[in-house]
Amino acid sequence: MSASRFGAKALEDRISMAQTKGLPQGLYETTDYRGERVLQAYWKVEGFPWYVMADQDMAEILNRIQKVGRDALFYGILTALIVFCLAFMVSTGIVNILKSKYRYEKELEFQVIQKEKLASLGLLTSGLAHELNTPLANALLYTQIAKEELEEPEIKLKTVQDRLSTVVGEIHQGSMIIRNLLDFSRHSRHDGDKTDVNETLEKLMKIAGSHCESNRIAVKMKLQKGMPKIIGDASTIQAILTNLVSNAVEAMPDGGNLSFKTRYVKVLKKVKIEIRDTGPGISKQVMAKIFTPFFTTKQQGSGTGLGLFISHEMVRKLGGDLRVVSSTHAEAVKTGTLFTVEFPVE
């Protein structure tokens, strides 16, 4: 180029032969007459000492590169968002399916626990009719006496009030029995609750006491006072203890001793419950399968073989442990079985 397009000024740009490096074509970066960085390309015209030159501002090249980079970033982010949305939708669907499966299995678990608890409770409440009949009969008797005394001309009001107070007390006694039974028959689902073990055992024996008495079973309770509450809802703890007591009572059809002992082990931060019976004991063969589901030594139709399995699983889920030690006539002079339940308090 020898002059500008408008012929105003001759251009003095020159290409150094050193920049060509003796090559017929090439590309290099330099600074033009404006002082701007440019990218120059050259091509030697064959047969002539001439070079065809072309240049472009580096700013334009960088702008194009930056635009390509921005476009790539935009489409990359868009693609990532689409992938994220699809992954979120798929994962949400999977989680919802797992949640529904978990709720269904949890519901089945609750139903099985409730069934086993009611079955055990049904055995222990066989003497409940006598327990309820006594306060009701007393209430009826004192009501009839008060009615007859009211017909007497010189009856004292204080005497009638005493009769009616006795009636009220007997009715309260029957109401308490029914209330305890209803508490045990309900099934709550509050996983974060805490339960007083001693109170639960005392309520249980108020229901099962008459059955033990009618079967010539002496009950002894040694409960440590002031123990902290254990982690677990009362209904689950009731189901576990009811099943263990029911098994102990069944193991002594001819009578015996049933003892309870609770204590708090501060070092382990656990409450221990010991339930001991003086039955014939459990053989080693049965002991190896005692917590196996559907295993039972009862006659067909008398048990499902799920009681101890469910109790063991419930204790483990609450962070505790259930152990059993037993001795038979072939192993010791004194026979019996000891179930030890451990529950954490924190």
Protein backbone atom coordinates (compact mmCIF):
# COMPACT_ATOMS: atom_id res chain seq x y z
CA MET A 1 0.00 0.00 0.00
CA SER A 2 1.44 3.33 -1.00
CA ALA A 3 -1.32 5.73 0.03
CA SER A 4 -4.49 5.92 2.07
CA ARG A 5 -7.81 5.37 0.44
CA PHE A 6 -8.34 9.13 0.17
CA GLY A 7 -4.76 9.84 -0.92
CA ALA A 8 -4.19 12.11 2.04
CA LYS A 9 -0.98 10.60 3.27
CA ALA A 10 1.46 8.03 2.09
CA LEU A 11 1.80 5.09 4.40
CA GLU A 12 5.23 4.19 5.55
CA ASP A 13 4.50 0.76 6.97
CA ARG A 14 7.10 -1.72 5.92
CA ILE A 15 7.44 -5.41 6.43
CA SER A 16 10.76 -6.55 7.70
CA MET A 17 12.24 -9.47 5.86
CA ALA A 18 13.29 -10.81 9.22
CA GLN A 19 9.60 -11.13 10.15
CA THR A 20 8.93 -13.32 7.14
CA LYS A 21 11.74 -15.69 8.15
CA GLY A 22 12.12 -16.49 4.46
CA LEU A 23 8.68 -18.14 4.34
CA PRO A 24 6.29 -17.43 1.44
CA GLN A 25 3.38 -16.90 3.90
CA GLY A 26 2.96 -16.39 7.61
CA LEU A 27 1.27 -14.66 10.50
CA TYR A 28 2.65 -12.43 13.24
CA GLU A 29 1.62 -9.79 15.76
CA THR A 30 2.93 -6.20 15.51
CA THR A 31 2.04 -2.59 16.14
CA ASP A 32 0.73 -0.53 13.21
CA TYR A 33 1.13 3.16 12.44
CA ARG A 34 -1.70 3.99 14.86
CA GLY A 35 0.13 2.39 17.71
CA GLU A 36 -2.54 -0.35 17.92
CA ARG A 37 -1.80 -4.04 18.22
CA VAL A 38 -2.69 -5.89 15.04
CA LEU A 39 -2.39 -9.38 13.68
CA GLN A 40 -0.81 -9.30 10.23
CA ALA A 41 -0.85 -12.02 7.59
CA TYR A 42 1.33 -11.99 4.47
CA TRP A 43 1.53 -13.99 1.26
CA LYS A 44 4.36 -13.59 -1.23
CA VAL A 45 3.24 -13.04 -4.83
CA GLU A 46 4.99 -15.67 -6.89
CA GLY A 47 7.39 -14.20 -9.49
CA PHE A 48 7.40 -10.75 -7.90
CA PRO A 49 9.13 -9.23 -4.86
CA TRP A 50 5.72 -8.28 -3.55
CA TYR A 51 3.71 -9.40 -0.53
CA VAL A 52 -0.03 -9.32 -0.17
CA MET A 53 -0.71 -8.02 3.37
CA ALA A 54 -3.83 -8.24 5.52
CA ASP A 55 -4.21 -7.18 9.12
CA GLN A 56 -6.87 -7.09 11.78
CA ASP A 57 -7.00 -5.33 15.13
CA MET A 58 -6.30 -7.62 18.06
CA ALA A 59 -9.23 -6.02 19.92
CA GLU A 60 -11.63 -7.32 17.27
CA ILE A 61 -10.14 -10.80 17.51
CA LEU A 62 -10.32 -10.77 21.29
CA ASN A 63 -13.91 -9.52 21.15
CA ARG A 64 -14.86 -12.45 18.95
CA ILE A 65 -13.05 -14.87 21.24
CA GLN A 66 -14.74 -13.29 24.26
CA LYS A 67 -18.13 -13.51 22.53
CA VAL A 68 -17.52 -17.19 21.79
CA GLY A 69 -16.51 -17.63 25.44
CA ARG A 70 -19.65 -15.85 26.65
CA ASP A 71 -21.82 -17.93 24.34
CA ALA A 72 -20.10 -21.10 25.52
CA LEU A 73 -20.58 -20.05 29.18
CA PHE A 74 -24.25 -19.22 28.58
CA TYR A 75 -25.01 -22.50 26.85
CA GLY A 76 -22.92 -24.37 29.44
CA ILE A 77 -24.94 -22.83 32.28
CA LEU A 78 -28.18 -23.47 30.40
CA THR A 79 -27.19 -27.11 29.82
CA ALA A 80 -26.19 -27.48 33.49
CA LEU A 81 -29.54 -26.02 34.60
CA ILE A 82 -31.44 -28.39 32.34
CA VAL A 83 -29.41 -31.35 33.62
CA PHE A 84 -29.89 -30.17 37.23
CA CYS A 85 -33.65 -29.79 36.75
CA LEU A 86 -33.91 -33.23 35.19
CA ALA A 87 -31.76 -34.73 37.96
CA PHE A 88 -33.84 -32.94 40.62
CA MET A 89 -37.09 -34.21 39.11
CA VAL A 90 -35.76 -37.77 38.87
CA SER A 91 -34.28 -37.74 42.38
CA THR A 92 -37.46 -36.20 43.82
CA GLY A 93 -39.50 -38.92 42.18
CA ILE A 94 -37.20 -41.61 43.59
CA VAL A 95 -37.31 -40.05 47.07
CA ASN A 96 -41.11 -39.87 46.96
CA ILE A 97 -41.28 -43.53 45.97
CA LEU A 98 -38.90 -44.46 48.80
CA LYS A 99 -40.91 -42.35 51.26
CA SER A 100 -44.16 -44.04 50.28
CA LYS A 101 -42.51 -47.46 50.59
CA TYR A 102 -41.08 -46.51 54.00
CA ARG A 103 -44.46 -45.24 55.24
CA TYR A 104 -46.12 -48.43 54.00
CA GLU A 105 -43.55 -50.65 55.75
CA LYS A 106 -43.79 -48.49 58.87
CA GLU A 107 -47.57 -48.89 58.85
CA LEU A 108 -47.24 -52.67 58.53
CA GLU A 109 -44.71 -52.65 61.37
CA PHE A 110 -47.09 -50.69 63.59
CA GLN A 111 -49.92 -53.08 62.78
CA VAL A 112 -47.80 -56.13 63.62
CA ILE A 113 -46.63 -54.54 66.89
CA GLN A 114 -50.19 -53.64 67.82
CA LYS A 115 -51.42 -57.14 67.01
CA GLU A 116 -48.72 -58.80 69.11
CA LYS A 117 -49.27 -56.37 71.97
CA LEU A 118 -53.01 -56.97 72.03
CA ALA A 119 -52.44 -60.73 71.86
CA SER A 120 -50.09 -60.58 74.86
CA LEU A 121 -52.39 -58.19 76.68
CA GLY A 122 -55.34 -60.49 76.05
CA LEU A 123 -53.56 -63.29 77.89
CA LEU A 124 -52.69 -61.05 80.84
CA THR A 125 -56.21 -59.62 81.17
CA SER A 126 -57.97 -62.97 81.56
CA GLY A 127 -58.38 -62.16 85.26
CA LEU A 128 -59.58 -58.63 84.59
CA ALA A 129 -63.26 -59.63 84.83
CA HIS A 130 -62.77 -60.55 88.49
CA GLU A 131 -60.77 -57.36 89.06
CA LEU A 132 -63.63 -55.27 87.66
CA ASN A 133 -66.39 -57.33 89.23
CA THR A 134 -65.20 -56.63 92.79
CA PRO A 135 -65.51 -52.79 92.75
CA LEU A 136 -68.75 -52.94 90.75
CA ALA A 137 -70.29 -55.43 93.18
CA ASN A 138 -69.20 -53.30 96.15
CA ALA A 139 -70.61 -50.16 94.53
CA LEU A 140 -73.93 -51.93 93.90
CA LEU A 141 -74.04 -53.25 97.46
CA TYR A 142 -73.40 -49.89 99.10
CA THR A 143 -75.88 -48.19 96.77
CA GLN A 144 -78.62 -50.64 97.83
CA ILE A 145 -77.72 -50.14 101.51
CA ALA A 146 -77.90 -46.35 101.12
CA LYS A 147 -81.25 -46.66 99.36
CA GLU A 148 -82.68 -48.77 102.18
CA GLU A 149 -81.28 -46.45 104.83
CA LEU A 150 -82.92 -43.45 103.16
CA GLU A 151 -86.29 -45.08 103.75
CA GLU A 152 -85.68 -45.22 107.50
CA PRO A 153 -87.21 -42.25 109.36
CA GLU A 154 -84.28 -41.51 111.66
CA ILE A 155 -81.37 -42.09 109.30
CA LYS A 156 -78.41 -39.76 109.67
CA LEU A 157 -77.28 -37.80 106.63
CA LYS A 158 -73.61 -38.50 107.50
CA THR A 159 -74.20 -42.25 107.23
CA VAL A 160 -75.65 -41.94 103.73
CA GLN A 161 -72.79 -39.70 102.66
CA ASP A 162 -70.28 -42.30 103.87
CA ARG A 163 -72.07 -44.97 101.85
CA LEU A 164 -72.04 -42.82 98.73
CA SER A 165 -68.35 -41.94 99.24
CA THR A 166 -67.57 -45.65 99.29
CA VAL A 167 -69.54 -46.10 96.06
CA VAL A 168 -67.59 -43.27 94.43
CA GLY A 169 -64.29 -44.82 95.53
CA GLU A 170 -65.21 -48.24 94.11
CA ILE A 171 -66.26 -46.67 90.81
CA HIS A 172 -62.97 -44.77 90.64
CA GLN A 173 -61.14 -48.05 91.21
CA GLY A 174 -62.93 -49.70 88.27
CA SER A 175 -62.37 -46.61 86.14
CA MET A 176 -58.64 -46.73 86.87
CA ILE A 177 -58.48 -50.36 85.73
CA ILE A 178 -60.26 -49.53 82.48
CA ARG A 179 -58.05 -46.47 81.94
CA ASN A 180 -54.88 -48.52 82.38
CA LEU A 181 -56.19 -51.08 79.92
CA LEU A 182 -57.01 -48.36 77.37
CA ASP A 183 -53.56 -46.82 77.79
CA PHE A 184 -51.98 -50.15 76.92
CA SER A 185 -54.30 -50.81 73.98
CA ARG A 186 -53.54 -47.49 72.30
CA HIS A 187 -50.59 -47.23 69.94
CA SER A 188 -48.86 -43.86 69.57
CA ARG A 189 -46.23 -42.93 66.99
CA HIS A 190 -44.22 -40.24 68.72
CA ASP A 191 -40.60 -41.26 68.18
CA GLY A 192 -39.11 -38.46 70.29
CA ASP A 193 -41.06 -39.20 73.49
CA LYS A 194 -39.54 -40.26 76.79
CA THR A 195 -41.04 -42.86 79.12
CA ASP A 196 -40.85 -43.62 82.84
CA VAL A 197 -40.01 -47.35 83.04
CA ASN A 198 -41.15 -47.79 86.65
CA GLU A 199 -44.51 -46.18 85.95
CA THR A 200 -45.01 -48.38 82.87
CA LEU A 201 -44.21 -51.56 84.85
CA GLU A 202 -46.55 -50.59 87.69
CA LYS A 203 -49.39 -49.92 85.24
CA LEU A 204 -48.74 -53.25 83.52
CA MET A 205 -48.86 -55.20 86.77
CA LYS A 206 -52.09 -53.47 87.80
CA ILE A 207 -53.60 -55.10 84.74
CA ALA A 208 -51.74 -58.43 84.88
CA GLY A 209 -51.64 -58.79 88.67
CA SER A 210 -54.97 -60.58 88.97
CA HIS A 211 -53.98 -63.04 86.24
CA CYS A 212 -50.70 -63.81 88.01
CA GLU A 213 -52.54 -64.26 91.30
CA SER A 214 -55.08 -66.64 89.80
CA ASN A 215 -52.19 -68.72 88.35
CA ARG A 216 -50.41 -68.86 91.73
CA ILE A 217 -47.60 -66.62 90.53
CA ALA A 218 -46.02 -64.41 93.18
CA VAL A 219 -44.87 -61.03 91.87
CA LYS A 220 -41.92 -59.17 93.37
CA MET A 221 -40.86 -55.71 92.23
CA LYS A 222 -37.61 -53.95 93.11
CA LEU A 223 -37.69 -50.63 91.26
CA GLN A 224 -34.97 -48.04 91.66
CA LYS A 225 -36.46 -44.65 92.43
CA GLY A 226 -35.46 -41.41 90.71
CA MET A 227 -34.26 -42.98 87.48
CA PRO A 228 -34.19 -40.78 84.34
CA LYS A 229 -36.72 -41.42 81.63
CA ILE A 230 -35.70 -43.56 78.66
CA ILE A 231 -35.93 -42.57 75.01
CA GLY A 232 -39.00 -44.09 73.31
CA ASP A 233 -42.75 -43.64 73.24
CA ALA A 234 -44.73 -45.30 76.02
CA SER A 235 -46.72 -47.49 73.62
CA THR A 236 -43.59 -49.19 72.21
CA ILE A 237 -42.11 -49.72 75.69
CA GLN A 238 -45.46 -51.15 76.85
CA ALA A 239 -45.53 -53.56 73.91
CA ILE A 240 -42.01 -54.83 74.67
CA LEU A 241 -42.61 -55.32 78.41
CA THR A 242 -46.09 -56.79 77.91
CA ASN A 243 -44.72 -59.44 75.57
CA LEU A 244 -41.90 -60.38 77.97
CA VAL A 245 -44.27 -60.59 80.96
CA SER A 246 -46.75 -62.62 78.90
CA ASN A 247 -44.03 -65.14 77.97
CA ALA A 248 -42.91 -65.37 81.60
CA VAL A 249 -46.45 -66.08 82.80
CA GLU A 250 -46.95 -68.71 80.09
CA ALA A 251 -43.69 -70.40 81.18
CA MET A 252 -45.17 -71.02 84.69
CA PRO A 253 -48.54 -72.76 84.19
CA ASP A 254 -48.22 -74.42 87.62
CA GLY A 255 -47.25 -71.23 89.45
CA GLY A 256 -43.92 -69.74 90.46
CA ASN A 257 -42.19 -66.44 91.08
CA LEU A 258 -42.04 -63.47 88.75
CA SER A 259 -39.64 -60.69 89.73
CA PHE A 260 -38.87 -57.29 88.27
CA LYS A 261 -35.79 -55.19 88.91
CA THR A 262 -34.87 -51.81 87.44
CA ARG A 263 -31.66 -49.87 87.86
CA TYR A 264 -29.83 -46.97 86.24
CA VAL A 265 -26.22 -47.50 85.12
CA LYS A 266 -24.82 -43.98 85.14
CA VAL A 267 -21.56 -44.86 83.37
CA LEU A 268 -23.38 -46.37 80.39
CA LYS A 269 -26.27 -43.86 80.57
CA LYS A 270 -28.69 -46.77 80.32
CA VAL A 271 -31.66 -48.07 82.29
CA LYS A 272 -31.71 -51.85 82.80
CA ILE A 273 -34.89 -53.86 83.34
CA GLU A 274 -34.63 -57.45 84.54
CA ILE A 275 -37.61 -59.80 84.23
CA ARG A 276 -36.99 -63.17 85.88
CA ASP A 277 -39.25 -66.22 86.09
CA THR A 278 -38.89 -69.62 87.74
CA GLY A 279 -40.19 -71.64 84.81
CA PRO A 280 -38.55 -74.75 83.33
CA GLY A 281 -36.03 -72.67 81.39
CA ILE A 282 -35.06 -72.59 77.72
CA SER A 283 -32.89 -75.27 76.14
CA LYS A 284 -29.77 -74.40 74.16
CA GLN A 285 -31.39 -75.54 70.91
CA VAL A 286 -34.34 -73.17 71.42
CA MET A 287 -32.10 -70.38 72.75
CA ALA A 288 -30.22 -70.25 69.44
CA LYS A 289 -33.47 -69.45 67.59
CA ILE A 290 -35.33 -67.47 70.25
CA PHE A 291 -35.21 -64.15 68.33
CA THR A 292 -35.81 -65.74 64.92
CA PRO A 293 -39.05 -64.57 63.26
CA PHE A 294 -41.90 -67.12 63.11
CA PHE A 295 -40.07 -69.52 65.43
CA THR A 296 -42.28 -70.73 68.27
CA THR A 297 -42.46 -73.69 70.64
CA LYS A 298 -46.20 -73.23 71.16
CA GLN A 299 -48.82 -75.43 69.59
CA GLN A 300 -50.04 -74.53 66.13
CA GLY A 301 -52.53 -71.68 66.32
CA SER A 302 -51.37 -70.58 69.77
CA GLY A 303 -48.66 -68.15 68.64
CA THR A 304 -47.15 -66.43 65.62
CA GLY A 305 -43.50 -66.63 66.66
CA LEU A 306 -43.12 -62.88 66.19
CA GLY A 307 -43.38 -61.63 69.78
CA LEU A 308 -39.74 -61.88 70.86
CA PHE A 309 -38.49 -61.01 67.37
CA ILE A 310 -40.51 -57.79 67.33
CA SER A 311 -39.50 -56.95 70.90
CA HIS A 312 -35.84 -57.48 70.03
CA GLU A 313 -36.09 -55.31 66.90
CA MET A 314 -37.93 -52.53 68.73
CA VAL A 315 -35.33 -52.45 71.51
CA ARG A 316 -32.51 -52.29 68.93
CA LYS A 317 -34.23 -49.47 67.04
CA LEU A 318 -34.46 -47.48 70.27
CA GLY A 319 -30.70 -47.86 70.70
CA GLY A 320 -30.90 -50.53 73.41
CA ASP A 321 -30.34 -54.24 73.71
CA LEU A 322 -32.32 -57.33 74.75
CA ARG A 323 -30.48 -60.33 76.22
CA VAL A 324 -31.65 -63.60 77.71
CA VAL A 325 -30.05 -66.08 80.11
CA SER A 326 -31.77 -69.35 81.03
CA SER A 327 -31.11 -72.58 82.92
CA THR A 328 -32.93 -75.91 82.65
CA HIS A 329 -33.07 -78.99 84.92
CA ALA A 330 -30.23 -80.53 82.92
CA GLU A 331 -27.98 -77.55 83.57
CA ALA A 332 -28.74 -76.36 87.13
CA VAL A 333 -30.71 -77.11 90.26
CA LYS A 334 -32.74 -73.92 90.00
CA THR A 335 -34.48 -73.36 86.69
CA GLY A 336 -35.69 -70.12 85.20
CA THR A 337 -35.17 -67.44 82.59
CA LEU A 338 -33.86 -63.90 82.90
CA PHE A 339 -34.58 -61.28 80.25
CA THR A 340 -32.52 -58.09 80.51
CA VAL A 341 -33.65 -55.03 78.56
CA GLU A 342 -31.41 -51.99 78.21
CA PHE A 343 -32.67 -48.58 77.11
CA PRO A 344 -30.59 -45.42 76.60
CA VAL A 345 -31.55 -42.25 78.45
CA GLU A 346 -29.69 -39.90 76.06
